[in-house]
């Protein structure tokens, strides 16, 4: 399977003839604008309702007929906009045409950011474990470090996508600790350098992770790797 990084927390996974976008932040992504029309997909996974994780969800659903997967309240919000949705809650999972998807906990908030500056609560934040082609990928979403990550690692992980930007999520030090709990074959940092508050050096994180026994690789926006 192939994984393409678009910057921030947005990825495209290609597996079993399907294309899955995670935390769709394309057109306004500070790491490089991408036209949603040029990212055909079957499924779109949203970890929570903050705009930098759902900005292009409805566009992708309308352009490509993709199914939006999200925590229950956020999925209902998308359904009211006419999107085809699949609602899950942390701990729940579903078998899909390309493999198995499970929603995991995340320690974070989830709210729509309204044009008038107010916010509207949208239930819980989450992460995802995707299993396909005998590979397992964990997208942590926005989260703090929490000890139950060692349970998420049950069965083994090939790749962990971990936020490192600090301020709103784990910082680099806690992300190294997360990698120790998760024990993936490879860790890729995300959710950094998109604004001044979350500016950090991903290469310093990768070096620290390697010293702690966890292989890490920094991806540039637009880069694709084989998992």
N, C-alpha and C. Protein backbone atom coordinates (compact mmCIF):
# COMPACT_ATOMS: atom_id res chain seq x y z
N UNK A 1 0.84 -1.19 0.00
CA UNK A 1 0.00 0.00 0.00
C UNK A 1 0.88 1.24 0.00
N UNK A 2 0.35 2.33 -0.53
CA UNK A 2 1.08 3.60 -0.61
C UNK A 2 0.42 4.65 0.28
N UNK A 3 1.26 5.47 0.90
CA UNK A 3 0.79 6.55 1.76
C UNK A 3 1.40 7.86 1.29
N UNK A 4 0.54 8.85 1.01
CA UNK A 4 1.00 10.17 0.59
C UNK A 4 0.67 11.18 1.68
N UNK A 5 1.65 12.04 1.99
CA UNK A 5 1.48 13.07 3.01
C UNK A 5 1.18 14.39 2.34
N UNK A 6 0.13 15.07 2.77
CA UNK A 6 -0.21 16.39 2.24
C UNK A 6 0.19 17.52 3.17
N UNK A 7 0.77 17.19 4.32
CA UNK A 7 1.08 18.21 5.31
C UNK A 7 0.04 18.26 6.41
N UNK A 8 0.45 18.83 7.55
CA UNK A 8 -0.36 18.89 8.76
C UNK A 8 -0.72 17.46 9.18
N UNK A 9 -1.99 17.07 9.22
CA UNK A 9 -2.36 15.70 9.60
C UNK A 9 -3.06 14.97 8.47
N UNK A 10 -2.93 15.47 7.26
CA UNK A 10 -3.68 14.96 6.11
C UNK A 10 -2.84 13.98 5.29
N UNK A 11 -3.42 12.80 5.05
CA UNK A 11 -2.75 11.74 4.29
C UNK A 11 -3.74 11.11 3.31
N UNK A 12 -3.18 10.47 2.30
CA UNK A 12 -3.94 9.62 1.38
C UNK A 12 -3.35 8.23 1.43
N UNK A 13 -4.20 7.23 1.73
CA UNK A 13 -3.78 5.84 1.73
C UNK A 13 -4.42 5.14 0.55
N UNK A 14 -3.59 4.45 -0.23
CA UNK A 14 -4.07 3.69 -1.39
C UNK A 14 -3.85 2.21 -1.11
N UNK A 15 -4.95 1.44 -1.06
CA UNK A 15 -4.85 0.03 -0.72
C UNK A 15 -6.02 -0.74 -1.31
N UNK A 16 -5.76 -1.93 -1.75
CA UNK A 16 -6.81 -2.84 -2.24
C UNK A 16 -7.70 -2.18 -3.29
N UNK A 17 -7.13 -1.31 -4.12
CA UNK A 17 -7.91 -0.62 -5.13
C UNK A 17 -8.75 0.52 -4.61
N UNK A 18 -8.58 0.90 -3.35
CA UNK A 18 -9.35 1.99 -2.75
C UNK A 18 -8.41 3.12 -2.32
N UNK A 19 -8.99 4.32 -2.22
CA UNK A 19 -8.24 5.51 -1.82
C UNK A 19 -8.94 6.14 -0.62
N UNK A 20 -8.18 6.31 0.45
CA UNK A 20 -8.73 6.77 1.73
C UNK A 20 -7.98 8.02 2.16
N UNK A 21 -8.70 9.11 2.36
CA UNK A 21 -8.10 10.36 2.84
C UNK A 21 -8.33 10.45 4.34
N UNK A 22 -7.29 10.81 5.06
CA UNK A 22 -7.39 10.98 6.51
C UNK A 22 -7.22 12.45 6.86
N UNK A 23 -8.12 12.95 7.69
CA UNK A 23 -8.14 14.34 8.16
C UNK A 23 -7.92 15.33 7.01
N UNK A 24 -8.95 15.47 6.17
CA UNK A 24 -8.82 16.21 4.90
C UNK A 24 -8.61 17.72 5.08
N UNK A 25 -7.42 18.17 4.83
CA UNK A 25 -7.04 19.58 4.92
C UNK A 25 -6.19 19.85 3.69
N UNK A 26 -6.84 20.23 2.60
CA UNK A 26 -6.18 20.27 1.29
C UNK A 26 -6.02 21.69 0.75
N UNK A 27 -7.14 22.32 0.43
CA UNK A 27 -7.06 23.60 -0.28
C UNK A 27 -6.35 24.69 0.54
N UNK A 28 -6.60 24.74 1.85
CA UNK A 28 -6.01 25.79 2.69
C UNK A 28 -4.83 25.28 3.52
N UNK A 29 -4.31 24.12 3.20
CA UNK A 29 -3.21 23.55 3.97
C UNK A 29 -1.97 24.43 3.84
N UNK A 30 -1.42 24.90 4.97
CA UNK A 30 -0.24 25.77 4.91
C UNK A 30 0.99 25.10 4.30
N UNK A 31 1.01 23.78 4.27
CA UNK A 31 2.16 23.07 3.70
C UNK A 31 2.08 22.96 2.18
N UNK A 32 0.98 23.41 1.60
CA UNK A 32 0.83 23.37 0.16
C UNK A 32 -0.61 23.10 -0.23
N UNK A 33 -1.20 24.01 -1.00
CA UNK A 33 -2.59 23.88 -1.40
C UNK A 33 -2.75 22.77 -2.44
N UNK A 34 -3.78 21.93 -2.23
CA UNK A 34 -4.10 20.85 -3.16
C UNK A 34 -5.58 20.97 -3.50
N UNK A 35 -5.91 20.88 -4.78
CA UNK A 35 -7.29 20.95 -5.23
C UNK A 35 -8.00 19.64 -4.88
N UNK A 36 -9.07 19.67 -4.07
CA UNK A 36 -9.78 18.44 -3.73
C UNK A 36 -10.28 17.66 -4.95
N UNK A 37 -10.54 18.36 -6.04
CA UNK A 37 -11.00 17.68 -7.25
C UNK A 37 -9.93 16.74 -7.80
N UNK A 38 -8.67 16.98 -7.44
CA UNK A 38 -7.56 16.16 -7.93
C UNK A 38 -7.18 15.05 -6.96
N UNK A 39 -8.02 14.84 -5.94
CA UNK A 39 -7.75 13.78 -4.95
C UNK A 39 -8.96 12.84 -4.90
N UNK A 40 -9.18 12.04 -5.95
CA UNK A 40 -10.31 11.11 -5.92
C UNK A 40 -10.14 10.13 -4.76
N UNK A 41 -11.27 9.78 -4.13
CA UNK A 41 -11.19 8.89 -2.96
C UNK A 41 -12.54 8.22 -2.75
N UNK A 42 -12.49 7.11 -2.01
CA UNK A 42 -13.69 6.34 -1.69
C UNK A 42 -14.17 6.61 -0.27
N UNK A 43 -13.20 6.84 0.63
CA UNK A 43 -13.51 7.07 2.04
C UNK A 43 -12.71 8.27 2.53
N UNK A 44 -13.32 9.02 3.46
CA UNK A 44 -12.65 10.14 4.11
C UNK A 44 -12.82 9.96 5.61
N UNK A 45 -11.72 9.87 6.32
CA UNK A 45 -11.74 9.65 7.77
C UNK A 45 -11.43 10.96 8.48
N UNK A 46 -12.32 11.37 9.37
CA UNK A 46 -12.16 12.61 10.13
C UNK A 46 -12.01 12.26 11.61
N UNK A 47 -10.93 12.74 12.22
CA UNK A 47 -10.68 12.39 13.62
C UNK A 47 -11.49 13.24 14.59
N UNK A 48 -11.78 14.47 14.21
CA UNK A 48 -12.58 15.36 15.06
C UNK A 48 -12.99 16.57 14.24
N UNK A 49 -13.72 17.50 14.87
CA UNK A 49 -14.43 18.53 14.10
C UNK A 49 -13.66 19.82 13.86
N UNK A 50 -12.45 19.96 14.39
CA UNK A 50 -11.72 21.19 14.15
C UNK A 50 -11.42 21.37 12.66
N UNK A 51 -11.44 22.61 12.22
CA UNK A 51 -11.44 22.89 10.78
C UNK A 51 -10.19 22.37 10.08
N UNK A 52 -9.06 22.33 10.77
CA UNK A 52 -7.84 21.84 10.13
C UNK A 52 -7.82 20.32 9.98
N UNK A 53 -8.95 19.67 10.32
CA UNK A 53 -9.07 18.22 10.15
C UNK A 53 -10.29 17.81 9.34
N UNK A 54 -11.16 18.78 9.02
CA UNK A 54 -12.37 18.45 8.23
C UNK A 54 -12.61 19.43 7.09
N UNK A 55 -11.67 20.34 6.85
CA UNK A 55 -11.93 21.48 5.96
C UNK A 55 -12.49 21.07 4.60
N UNK A 56 -11.99 19.96 4.04
CA UNK A 56 -12.41 19.56 2.69
C UNK A 56 -13.23 18.28 2.69
N UNK A 57 -13.73 17.88 3.85
CA UNK A 57 -14.49 16.63 3.92
C UNK A 57 -15.72 16.65 3.01
N UNK A 58 -16.54 17.66 3.16
CA UNK A 58 -17.76 17.72 2.35
C UNK A 58 -17.43 17.90 0.87
N UNK A 59 -16.40 18.67 0.55
CA UNK A 59 -15.99 18.81 -0.86
C UNK A 59 -15.65 17.46 -1.45
N UNK A 60 -14.87 16.66 -0.73
CA UNK A 60 -14.47 15.35 -1.25
C UNK A 60 -15.68 14.44 -1.40
N UNK A 61 -16.61 14.50 -0.44
CA UNK A 61 -17.81 13.67 -0.54
C UNK A 61 -18.64 14.04 -1.76
N UNK A 62 -18.78 15.34 -2.00
CA UNK A 62 -19.61 15.80 -3.12
C UNK A 62 -18.93 15.58 -4.46
N UNK A 63 -17.62 15.76 -4.52
CA UNK A 63 -16.90 15.62 -5.78
C UNK A 63 -16.74 14.17 -6.20
N UNK A 64 -16.52 13.28 -5.23
CA UNK A 64 -16.12 11.92 -5.55
C UNK A 64 -17.07 10.85 -5.01
N UNK A 65 -18.15 11.28 -4.34
CA UNK A 65 -19.07 10.30 -3.79
C UNK A 65 -18.48 9.50 -2.64
N UNK A 66 -17.50 10.08 -1.96
CA UNK A 66 -16.82 9.37 -0.88
C UNK A 66 -17.72 9.27 0.36
N UNK A 67 -17.50 8.21 1.12
CA UNK A 67 -18.17 8.05 2.41
C UNK A 67 -17.34 8.74 3.48
N UNK A 68 -17.99 9.59 4.29
CA UNK A 68 -17.30 10.28 5.38
C UNK A 68 -17.45 9.45 6.65
N UNK A 69 -16.33 9.12 7.25
CA UNK A 69 -16.30 8.37 8.51
C UNK A 69 -15.88 9.34 9.61
N UNK A 70 -16.65 9.35 10.70
CA UNK A 70 -16.38 10.30 11.77
C UNK A 70 -17.05 9.83 13.06
N UNK A 71 -16.65 10.38 14.21
CA UNK A 71 -17.40 10.10 15.44
C UNK A 71 -18.86 10.50 15.27
N UNK A 72 -19.72 9.87 16.05
CA UNK A 72 -21.17 9.90 15.85
C UNK A 72 -21.73 11.30 15.58
N UNK A 73 -21.46 12.26 16.46
CA UNK A 73 -22.07 13.58 16.32
C UNK A 73 -21.59 14.29 15.05
N UNK A 74 -20.31 14.16 14.75
CA UNK A 74 -19.77 14.80 13.56
C UNK A 74 -20.31 14.13 12.30
N UNK A 75 -20.45 12.82 12.32
CA UNK A 75 -21.03 12.12 11.18
C UNK A 75 -22.46 12.57 10.93
N UNK A 76 -23.22 12.77 12.00
CA UNK A 76 -24.59 13.26 11.85
C UNK A 76 -24.61 14.65 11.23
N UNK A 77 -23.68 15.50 11.64
CA UNK A 77 -23.58 16.84 11.06
C UNK A 77 -23.34 16.76 9.56
N UNK A 78 -22.43 15.88 9.14
CA UNK A 78 -22.16 15.72 7.71
C UNK A 78 -23.39 15.16 6.98
N UNK A 79 -24.09 14.23 7.61
CA UNK A 79 -25.26 13.63 6.97
C UNK A 79 -26.33 14.67 6.70
N UNK A 80 -26.47 15.64 7.62
CA UNK A 80 -27.45 16.71 7.42
C UNK A 80 -27.08 17.60 6.24
N UNK A 81 -25.81 17.57 5.83
CA UNK A 81 -25.38 18.33 4.65
C UNK A 81 -25.50 17.50 3.37
N UNK A 82 -26.05 16.30 3.49
CA UNK A 82 -26.29 15.46 2.32
C UNK A 82 -25.21 14.46 2.02
N UNK A 83 -24.20 14.33 2.90
CA UNK A 83 -23.11 13.40 2.64
C UNK A 83 -23.48 11.98 3.04
N UNK A 84 -22.86 11.02 2.38
CA UNK A 84 -22.96 9.62 2.78
C UNK A 84 -21.98 9.41 3.93
N UNK A 85 -22.44 8.89 5.05
CA UNK A 85 -21.61 8.84 6.25
C UNK A 85 -21.58 7.46 6.88
N UNK A 86 -20.57 7.26 7.70
CA UNK A 86 -20.45 6.09 8.54
C UNK A 86 -20.01 6.58 9.91
N UNK A 87 -20.84 6.37 10.92
CA UNK A 87 -20.53 6.86 12.26
C UNK A 87 -19.97 5.75 13.12
N UNK A 88 -18.89 6.06 13.84
CA UNK A 88 -18.28 5.14 14.78
C UNK A 88 -18.06 5.87 16.09
N UNK A 89 -17.70 5.12 17.11
CA UNK A 89 -17.27 5.70 18.38
C UNK A 89 -16.03 4.94 18.83
N UNK A 90 -15.19 5.57 19.67
CA UNK A 90 -13.95 4.91 20.09
C UNK A 90 -14.20 3.52 20.66
N UNK A 91 -13.42 2.58 20.19
CA UNK A 91 -13.59 1.17 20.55
C UNK A 91 -14.35 0.39 19.50
N UNK A 92 -15.16 1.09 18.70
CA UNK A 92 -15.93 0.43 17.66
C UNK A 92 -15.13 0.29 16.38
N UNK A 93 -15.53 -0.67 15.57
CA UNK A 93 -14.86 -0.90 14.31
C UNK A 93 -15.82 -1.45 13.28
N UNK A 94 -15.31 -1.56 12.05
CA UNK A 94 -16.14 -2.04 10.95
C UNK A 94 -15.23 -2.64 9.89
N UNK A 95 -15.72 -3.69 9.25
CA UNK A 95 -15.00 -4.27 8.12
C UNK A 95 -15.53 -3.64 6.84
N UNK A 96 -14.61 -3.10 6.06
CA UNK A 96 -14.93 -2.39 4.82
C UNK A 96 -14.32 -3.13 3.63
N UNK A 97 -14.66 -2.76 2.40
CA UNK A 97 -14.16 -3.52 1.25
C UNK A 97 -12.64 -3.62 1.17
N UNK A 98 -11.94 -2.66 1.77
CA UNK A 98 -10.47 -2.66 1.69
C UNK A 98 -9.81 -3.26 2.92
N UNK A 99 -10.55 -3.49 4.02
CA UNK A 99 -9.93 -4.02 5.23
C UNK A 99 -10.73 -3.67 6.47
N UNK A 100 -10.06 -3.62 7.60
CA UNK A 100 -10.69 -3.39 8.89
C UNK A 100 -10.31 -2.00 9.41
N UNK A 101 -11.33 -1.28 9.91
CA UNK A 101 -11.13 0.05 10.47
C UNK A 101 -11.64 0.05 11.90
N UNK A 102 -10.81 0.54 12.82
CA UNK A 102 -11.25 0.69 14.21
C UNK A 102 -10.97 2.11 14.67
N UNK A 103 -11.93 2.68 15.38
CA UNK A 103 -11.77 4.00 15.96
C UNK A 103 -11.16 3.86 17.35
N UNK A 104 -10.18 4.69 17.65
CA UNK A 104 -9.49 4.65 18.93
C UNK A 104 -9.74 5.93 19.71
N UNK A 105 -9.52 5.91 21.02
CA UNK A 105 -9.64 7.14 21.79
C UNK A 105 -8.54 8.15 21.41
N UNK A 106 -8.82 9.41 21.67
CA UNK A 106 -7.83 10.48 21.60
C UNK A 106 -8.16 11.46 22.72
N UNK A 107 -7.13 12.02 23.32
CA UNK A 107 -7.33 12.99 24.40
C UNK A 107 -7.26 14.38 23.80
N UNK A 108 -8.43 14.94 23.50
CA UNK A 108 -8.52 16.21 22.78
C UNK A 108 -9.98 16.65 22.85
N UNK A 109 -10.30 17.79 22.24
CA UNK A 109 -11.69 18.22 22.13
C UNK A 109 -12.16 18.10 20.69
N UNK A 110 -13.45 18.37 20.47
CA UNK A 110 -14.00 18.31 19.13
C UNK A 110 -15.14 19.30 19.03
N UNK A 111 -14.97 20.33 18.23
CA UNK A 111 -16.01 21.35 18.09
C UNK A 111 -15.92 21.99 16.72
N UNK A 112 -17.08 22.28 16.15
CA UNK A 112 -17.13 23.06 14.91
C UNK A 112 -16.81 24.51 15.23
N UNK A 113 -16.01 25.12 14.39
CA UNK A 113 -15.66 26.53 14.55
C UNK A 113 -16.56 27.33 13.61
N UNK A 114 -17.53 28.04 14.17
CA UNK A 114 -18.57 28.71 13.40
C UNK A 114 -18.09 30.07 12.89
N UNK A 115 -18.68 30.58 11.80
CA UNK A 115 -18.24 31.85 11.22
C UNK A 115 -18.31 33.03 12.18
N UNK A 116 -19.22 32.98 13.15
CA UNK A 116 -19.37 34.11 14.09
C UNK A 116 -18.39 34.03 15.25
N UNK A 117 -17.47 33.06 15.20
CA UNK A 117 -16.47 32.93 16.24
C UNK A 117 -16.86 31.98 17.35
N UNK A 118 -18.10 31.53 17.39
CA UNK A 118 -18.53 30.58 18.40
C UNK A 118 -18.13 29.16 17.98
N UNK A 119 -18.21 28.25 18.93
CA UNK A 119 -17.96 26.85 18.64
C UNK A 119 -19.17 26.02 19.03
N UNK A 120 -19.31 24.87 18.37
CA UNK A 120 -20.42 23.96 18.66
C UNK A 120 -19.84 22.58 18.95
N UNK A 121 -20.09 22.07 20.14
CA UNK A 121 -19.52 20.78 20.54
C UNK A 121 -19.96 19.67 19.60
N UNK A 122 -19.03 18.79 19.26
CA UNK A 122 -19.29 17.70 18.33
C UNK A 122 -18.83 16.37 18.91
N UNK A 123 -19.13 16.13 20.17
CA UNK A 123 -18.79 14.84 20.75
C UNK A 123 -17.32 14.69 21.05
N UNK A 124 -16.78 13.51 20.77
CA UNK A 124 -15.42 13.19 21.15
C UNK A 124 -14.46 13.31 19.97
N UNK A 125 -13.19 13.42 20.30
CA UNK A 125 -12.12 13.29 19.31
C UNK A 125 -11.67 11.83 19.27
N UNK A 126 -11.02 11.44 18.18
CA UNK A 126 -10.66 10.04 18.01
C UNK A 126 -9.42 9.90 17.16
N UNK A 127 -8.92 8.67 17.09
CA UNK A 127 -7.90 8.27 16.14
C UNK A 127 -8.42 7.05 15.38
N UNK A 128 -7.58 6.47 14.53
CA UNK A 128 -8.00 5.31 13.74
C UNK A 128 -6.84 4.31 13.61
N UNK A 129 -7.19 3.03 13.62
CA UNK A 129 -6.28 1.98 13.19
C UNK A 129 -6.87 1.35 11.93
N UNK A 130 -6.08 1.33 10.88
CA UNK A 130 -6.50 0.75 9.61
C UNK A 130 -5.67 -0.50 9.36
N UNK A 131 -6.33 -1.60 9.05
CA UNK A 131 -5.64 -2.86 8.78
C UNK A 131 -6.03 -3.34 7.39
N UNK A 132 -5.03 -3.46 6.52
CA UNK A 132 -5.25 -3.91 5.14
C UNK A 132 -3.93 -4.45 4.60
N UNK A 133 -4.02 -5.41 3.70
CA UNK A 133 -2.83 -5.98 3.07
C UNK A 133 -1.81 -6.45 4.10
N UNK A 134 -2.29 -7.01 5.21
CA UNK A 134 -1.42 -7.48 6.29
C UNK A 134 -0.55 -6.36 6.87
N UNK A 135 -1.06 -5.14 6.81
CA UNK A 135 -0.38 -3.99 7.40
C UNK A 135 -1.34 -3.30 8.36
N UNK A 136 -0.77 -2.64 9.36
CA UNK A 136 -1.57 -1.90 10.34
C UNK A 136 -1.02 -0.49 10.49
N UNK A 137 -1.90 0.50 10.30
CA UNK A 137 -1.51 1.90 10.38
C UNK A 137 -2.36 2.58 11.45
N UNK A 138 -1.71 3.32 12.33
CA UNK A 138 -2.39 4.08 13.37
C UNK A 138 -2.26 5.56 13.09
N UNK A 139 -3.38 6.24 12.88
CA UNK A 139 -3.42 7.70 12.77
C UNK A 139 -3.98 8.19 14.09
N UNK A 140 -3.15 8.87 14.88
CA UNK A 140 -3.52 9.21 16.25
C UNK A 140 -4.49 10.37 16.34
N UNK A 141 -4.71 11.11 15.24
CA UNK A 141 -5.51 12.32 15.35
C UNK A 141 -4.79 13.34 16.21
N UNK A 142 -5.52 14.29 16.74
CA UNK A 142 -4.95 15.23 17.72
C UNK A 142 -5.09 14.61 19.10
N UNK A 143 -3.99 14.43 19.79
CA UNK A 143 -4.09 13.79 21.09
C UNK A 143 -2.92 14.14 21.98
N UNK A 144 -3.16 14.03 23.28
CA UNK A 144 -2.10 14.00 24.27
C UNK A 144 -1.56 12.58 24.36
N UNK A 145 -0.45 12.44 25.05
CA UNK A 145 0.08 11.12 25.38
C UNK A 145 -0.85 10.46 26.41
N UNK A 146 -1.18 9.19 26.21
CA UNK A 146 -1.94 8.46 27.22
C UNK A 146 -1.48 7.00 27.24
N UNK A 147 -1.48 6.40 28.42
CA UNK A 147 -0.85 5.10 28.59
C UNK A 147 -1.56 3.99 27.84
N UNK A 148 -2.84 4.15 27.53
CA UNK A 148 -3.56 3.10 26.82
C UNK A 148 -3.12 2.97 25.37
N UNK A 149 -2.19 3.81 24.94
CA UNK A 149 -1.61 3.58 23.61
C UNK A 149 -0.99 2.19 23.50
N UNK A 150 -0.52 1.66 24.63
CA UNK A 150 0.05 0.31 24.58
C UNK A 150 -1.01 -0.73 24.22
N UNK A 151 -2.30 -0.44 24.50
CA UNK A 151 -3.37 -1.34 24.09
C UNK A 151 -3.66 -1.19 22.60
N UNK A 152 -3.56 0.04 22.10
CA UNK A 152 -3.75 0.25 20.67
C UNK A 152 -2.73 -0.55 19.87
N UNK A 153 -1.58 -0.80 20.47
CA UNK A 153 -0.50 -1.52 19.78
C UNK A 153 -0.71 -3.02 19.73
N UNK A 154 -1.77 -3.53 20.37
CA UNK A 154 -2.00 -4.97 20.35
C UNK A 154 -2.09 -5.48 18.91
N UNK A 155 -1.40 -6.58 18.66
CA UNK A 155 -1.39 -7.14 17.31
C UNK A 155 -0.30 -6.56 16.44
N UNK A 156 0.37 -5.52 16.93
CA UNK A 156 1.47 -4.93 16.19
C UNK A 156 1.03 -3.82 15.25
N UNK A 157 1.90 -2.83 15.08
CA UNK A 157 1.66 -1.72 14.17
C UNK A 157 2.85 -1.58 13.22
N UNK A 158 2.54 -1.38 11.96
CA UNK A 158 3.60 -1.13 10.99
C UNK A 158 3.97 0.35 10.91
N UNK A 159 2.98 1.21 11.14
CA UNK A 159 3.21 2.65 11.01
C UNK A 159 2.35 3.40 12.01
N UNK A 160 2.94 4.38 12.68
CA UNK A 160 2.19 5.26 13.57
C UNK A 160 2.39 6.70 13.10
N UNK A 161 1.29 7.40 12.90
CA UNK A 161 1.30 8.81 12.49
C UNK A 161 0.96 9.60 13.74
N UNK A 162 1.95 10.35 14.27
CA UNK A 162 1.83 10.96 15.59
C UNK A 162 2.00 12.47 15.53
N UNK A 163 1.12 13.23 16.20
CA UNK A 163 1.31 14.68 16.27
C UNK A 163 2.49 15.02 17.17
N UNK A 164 3.24 16.07 16.79
CA UNK A 164 4.42 16.45 17.59
C UNK A 164 4.45 17.95 17.87
N UNK A 165 3.44 18.71 17.46
CA UNK A 165 3.53 20.16 17.45
C UNK A 165 3.43 20.85 18.79
N UNK A 166 3.04 20.10 19.86
CA UNK A 166 2.88 20.70 21.18
C UNK A 166 1.72 21.70 21.18
N UNK A 167 1.50 22.38 22.26
CA UNK A 167 0.48 23.42 22.44
C UNK A 167 -0.93 22.83 22.45
N UNK A 168 -1.35 22.20 21.36
CA UNK A 168 -2.68 21.59 21.28
C UNK A 168 -2.64 20.06 21.33
N UNK A 169 -1.47 19.48 21.14
CA UNK A 169 -1.31 18.02 21.11
C UNK A 169 -0.02 17.66 21.83
N UNK A 170 0.37 16.41 21.73
CA UNK A 170 1.68 16.00 22.21
C UNK A 170 2.77 16.87 21.59
N UNK A 171 3.78 17.16 22.36
CA UNK A 171 5.00 17.74 21.82
C UNK A 171 5.98 16.63 21.47
N UNK A 172 7.16 16.99 20.99
CA UNK A 172 8.12 15.98 20.55
C UNK A 172 8.50 14.98 21.64
N UNK A 173 8.72 15.45 22.87
CA UNK A 173 9.14 14.54 23.94
C UNK A 173 8.06 13.50 24.24
N UNK A 174 6.81 13.97 24.34
CA UNK A 174 5.72 13.02 24.60
C UNK A 174 5.48 12.10 23.41
N UNK A 175 5.72 12.60 22.19
CA UNK A 175 5.55 11.75 21.02
C UNK A 175 6.60 10.63 21.00
N UNK A 176 7.81 10.91 21.49
CA UNK A 176 8.81 9.84 21.63
C UNK A 176 8.30 8.79 22.61
N UNK A 177 7.72 9.23 23.72
CA UNK A 177 7.16 8.28 24.69
C UNK A 177 6.01 7.49 24.08
N UNK A 178 5.20 8.15 23.25
CA UNK A 178 4.11 7.45 22.57
C UNK A 178 4.65 6.35 21.67
N UNK A 179 5.72 6.66 20.94
CA UNK A 179 6.32 5.66 20.07
C UNK A 179 6.83 4.46 20.86
N UNK A 180 7.33 4.71 22.07
CA UNK A 180 7.78 3.61 22.92
C UNK A 180 6.61 2.70 23.30
N UNK A 181 5.45 3.30 23.58
CA UNK A 181 4.28 2.51 23.95
C UNK A 181 3.71 1.75 22.76
N UNK A 182 3.73 2.38 21.59
CA UNK A 182 3.09 1.81 20.40
C UNK A 182 3.97 0.79 19.69
N UNK A 183 5.28 0.99 19.72
CA UNK A 183 6.26 0.08 19.12
C UNK A 183 5.99 -0.19 17.62
N UNK A 184 5.73 0.82 16.82
CA UNK A 184 5.53 0.58 15.39
C UNK A 184 6.86 0.32 14.69
N UNK A 185 6.80 -0.29 13.52
CA UNK A 185 8.02 -0.43 12.72
C UNK A 185 8.55 0.94 12.31
N UNK A 186 7.64 1.90 12.08
CA UNK A 186 8.03 3.23 11.66
C UNK A 186 7.06 4.25 12.22
N UNK A 187 7.59 5.39 12.64
CA UNK A 187 6.77 6.51 13.07
C UNK A 187 6.98 7.68 12.12
N UNK A 188 5.89 8.35 11.76
CA UNK A 188 5.94 9.57 10.94
C UNK A 188 5.30 10.70 11.74
N UNK A 189 6.01 11.81 11.93
CA UNK A 189 5.44 12.94 12.67
C UNK A 189 4.45 13.73 11.81
N UNK A 190 3.48 14.34 12.47
CA UNK A 190 2.48 15.17 11.79
C UNK A 190 2.05 16.30 12.73
N UNK A 191 1.19 17.17 12.24
CA UNK A 191 0.61 18.26 13.04
C UNK A 191 1.69 19.16 13.64
N UNK A 192 2.50 19.74 12.76
CA UNK A 192 3.54 20.66 13.20
C UNK A 192 3.81 21.67 12.08
N UNK A 193 4.32 22.84 12.47
CA UNK A 193 4.77 23.89 11.54
C UNK A 193 3.67 24.41 10.61
N UNK A 194 2.41 24.25 11.03
CA UNK A 194 1.30 24.81 10.26
C UNK A 194 0.94 26.21 10.73
N UNK A 195 1.37 26.57 11.92
CA UNK A 195 1.26 27.94 12.43
C UNK A 195 2.34 28.13 13.48
N UNK A 196 2.50 29.35 13.95
CA UNK A 196 3.62 29.65 14.84
C UNK A 196 3.53 28.91 16.16
N UNK A 197 2.33 28.65 16.65
CA UNK A 197 2.20 27.99 17.95
C UNK A 197 2.68 26.54 17.94
N UNK A 198 2.62 25.89 16.80
CA UNK A 198 3.02 24.48 16.76
C UNK A 198 4.29 24.30 15.93
N UNK A 199 5.16 25.30 15.96
CA UNK A 199 6.42 25.22 15.23
C UNK A 199 7.43 24.39 16.01
N UNK A 200 7.98 23.38 15.38
CA UNK A 200 8.99 22.52 16.00
C UNK A 200 9.83 21.87 14.91
N UNK A 201 10.90 21.22 15.31
CA UNK A 201 11.81 20.60 14.36
C UNK A 201 11.50 19.10 14.26
N UNK A 202 10.90 18.65 13.17
CA UNK A 202 10.55 17.22 13.07
C UNK A 202 11.78 16.33 13.00
N UNK A 203 12.88 16.86 12.46
CA UNK A 203 14.09 16.05 12.36
C UNK A 203 14.70 15.81 13.74
N UNK A 204 14.58 16.80 14.62
CA UNK A 204 15.04 16.60 16.00
C UNK A 204 14.19 15.53 16.68
N UNK A 205 12.88 15.52 16.40
CA UNK A 205 12.03 14.45 16.93
C UNK A 205 12.49 13.10 16.40
N UNK A 206 12.74 13.00 15.10
CA UNK A 206 13.14 11.73 14.51
C UNK A 206 14.44 11.23 15.12
N UNK A 207 15.37 12.14 15.38
CA UNK A 207 16.64 11.76 16.01
C UNK A 207 16.41 11.25 17.43
N UNK A 208 15.57 11.97 18.19
CA UNK A 208 15.28 11.55 19.57
C UNK A 208 14.57 10.21 19.59
N UNK A 209 13.64 10.00 18.65
CA UNK A 209 12.93 8.73 18.59
C UNK A 209 13.89 7.59 18.29
N UNK A 210 14.82 7.82 17.35
CA UNK A 210 15.80 6.79 17.00
C UNK A 210 16.68 6.45 18.19
N UNK A 211 17.08 7.46 18.95
CA UNK A 211 17.89 7.21 20.15
C UNK A 211 17.15 6.38 21.17
N UNK A 212 15.81 6.51 21.18
CA UNK A 212 14.97 5.75 22.10
C UNK A 212 14.59 4.38 21.54
N UNK A 213 15.09 4.06 20.35
CA UNK A 213 14.83 2.76 19.76
C UNK A 213 13.65 2.71 18.83
N UNK A 214 13.13 3.87 18.41
CA UNK A 214 11.96 3.91 17.52
C UNK A 214 12.35 4.57 16.19
N UNK A 215 12.27 3.81 15.11
CA UNK A 215 12.58 4.38 13.80
C UNK A 215 11.54 5.42 13.42
N UNK A 216 12.00 6.55 12.90
CA UNK A 216 11.08 7.63 12.49
C UNK A 216 11.55 8.21 11.17
N UNK A 217 10.59 8.69 10.41
CA UNK A 217 10.90 9.31 9.11
C UNK A 217 10.07 10.56 8.93
N UNK A 218 10.71 11.64 8.56
CA UNK A 218 10.02 12.91 8.29
C UNK A 218 9.64 12.95 6.82
N UNK A 219 8.36 13.18 6.54
CA UNK A 219 7.88 13.29 5.16
C UNK A 219 7.67 14.76 4.80
N UNK A 220 7.94 15.09 3.57
CA UNK A 220 7.62 16.42 3.06
C UNK A 220 6.25 16.36 2.37
N UNK A 221 5.58 17.49 2.31
CA UNK A 221 4.25 17.53 1.69
C UNK A 221 4.35 17.06 0.24
N UNK A 222 3.50 16.12 -0.12
CA UNK A 222 3.48 15.56 -1.46
C UNK A 222 4.28 14.27 -1.59
N UNK A 223 5.04 13.90 -0.56
CA UNK A 223 5.87 12.69 -0.62
C UNK A 223 5.02 11.45 -0.40
N UNK A 224 5.36 10.38 -1.13
CA UNK A 224 4.67 9.10 -1.02
C UNK A 224 5.64 8.01 -0.60
N UNK A 225 5.21 7.18 0.34
CA UNK A 225 6.03 6.03 0.76
C UNK A 225 5.20 4.76 0.60
N UNK A 226 5.89 3.65 0.52
CA UNK A 226 5.25 2.34 0.52
C UNK A 226 5.30 1.79 1.94
N UNK A 227 4.17 1.37 2.44
CA UNK A 227 4.08 0.83 3.80
C UNK A 227 4.24 -0.69 3.75
